[in-house]
Amino acid sequence: LCWMESVTSALQAGSQRLQLEAIQVTWITPDLSTDGPAAVGEFSVPADILEELGTTFEVQVVMLLCLHYRYTESVSGQEKCWSAHGVVDRIAASLDDADVESKDWTLRFTITQSSSGLPSAAVALPRQYQNFVAELIWVPYPHLAQLNAFGLFLHGRVCGFAKDVILRSSLPAESNTWMASPTHCLNSTCLDGLNLSQRAAANSVLSKPMAMIQGPPGTGKSFTAGRITRLLLGEVSDTDISRHTVVYCASSNKAVDIGTYSVLREVSGDLRLSLLRLCSSDIEQHDWPLPDQKVAAELPFSAVADEQLSGNTTYVLPEDLRPYALHWRVHEPGLSPHNPYSAKVRQFYDALMSAATKQEAKEKRAAYNALVTQAKSWELQQASVVLMTCMTAARESLRKAVAKSEFQPTGLIVDEAGMVMEPEIMCPLSLSETWDRIVLIGDHKQLQPIVLNRRAADLGYNVSLFERLAQSQDHADSPVP
């Protein structure tokens, strides 16, 4: 179902397309003239062609393939066209060139559907021809992230707690090793300002490792989520509060911003707490562009990849949230004066932008990228709350930070969970193997996830994990009326 939705999105969402003519195809499958196993082949794309077309490839990209071969039928003499659809499932750059942008690329593909068996004229030895036409269609990043997260789940690279939640099996025993007891919190000032139903919802989070909070619009779910975030960090008197990091996710950037304002109201004034807003690479590149870099609207995955699933690609980070945004903090020393790398990052950025030649820019970019990585790592290590979309939680750089223990989140809050497709919510769920608390907040009785493929929707792809668990007898809702 995830792949069905990915293909539909690639075809309907205006993804980047590239047509290549007179390409040379090498067939790897022994016999392509019969309707046997899927045919496999590969072709190379020279770097100069990509430069002429103003594009490049990345090894993490998945593309759909339309392949055409025109030929003359030997018996009738008629001109015919063989067509096939498939997937480019491996992209590799030549190993003899250290300059990534000037490498030739080899694309290996698998044919999944064709008009007929490949004509005999195209399978005679040698199996290389100059008259194939290939059309490549990029699969949008959000769906690649979902497919990758789903793969992590299938291969067991998800903590047992999250796996139990997804499969609706047993939940781990209650654990309050770093949480105040529910009874204490109910009578504590930490719940001041919450009504009775909101207090009940907050206490359900503190009494078990996984909780769901459901309520219609206008009932204060975002306000309650902000307070729950503060509670998950521990009591104000907790001297070891720095060891707890809460991840706050939502389906869209605007929803994350609302959550950011809510959390800011709760943690402002506590100097021990640091809030960090993470954005997609597209937003980072839009705010801090590099030489010869395409602006976000020209990127293969559209303006803001995080917003594609919600149908909104016009997002701009609010100016008053820049002091908390990771990419702004590492480029503006004044926003994070204690970061030992931010001043150097800005210095190298300015030098990079003023490079006189393309070659000079390439030489300076490596040092700049290394400094940015160090600066971001430092910020993550200081963060008490990290807010981002579910798609941003799938970024490889973030997963590497978790793997190197630079960033060890223990609590997860997913807002608007009723609008998040199940593979999408796997992105944050698979981020860490040390979740102590998982909180899903939303209203499945309102809007469901947006699904473009009607067949996938009919088969249940538009049912969120929140809705599925809410309908389960094992997970009762904690309403916020």
Foldseek 3Di string as FASTA:
>chain_A
DLVLLLVLCLVPVPFDKDKDFQWKKAWDDQFQQAPDPWTKIKTKDFLVVCVVVLHADDQLWKKKKKKKDWDQDPPPRDIDMKIFIWIFDGKDWDPVDPDRSRTMIMTMITTDGIPHGDDPVCNPPPNIGRGMMMMITTRALLSSLLVVLVVCLVVVLFAPQLNCLLVVHDHDDFDQPFADQLVVVLPDCLCPPADPLLSLQLSVQNGGQEAEEAEDPPLCLLLSVLSSLVRQLHDPPDPPSLVAAEEEAEQAPVVLVSSVVSVCVVCPPPPLAAEAEEADVLLLCQVQPFPSDDHQCPDSNHRGSSCVQVVDRPDHPDPVCLLRYLSSCLQDCVSPVVQPLSVVLVVLSVVLRPDPDPVSNVVSVVVNVVSSLSSSLVSQLSHRYYYYYLSRLSDPSLLVSVVVVSHAHAHYEYEQQQQAFASSNSSNSSSHNRHRHYYYYHHVVPDWGDGDDPVCVVVPRRGGSSNVQCPDPVHPHSYSD
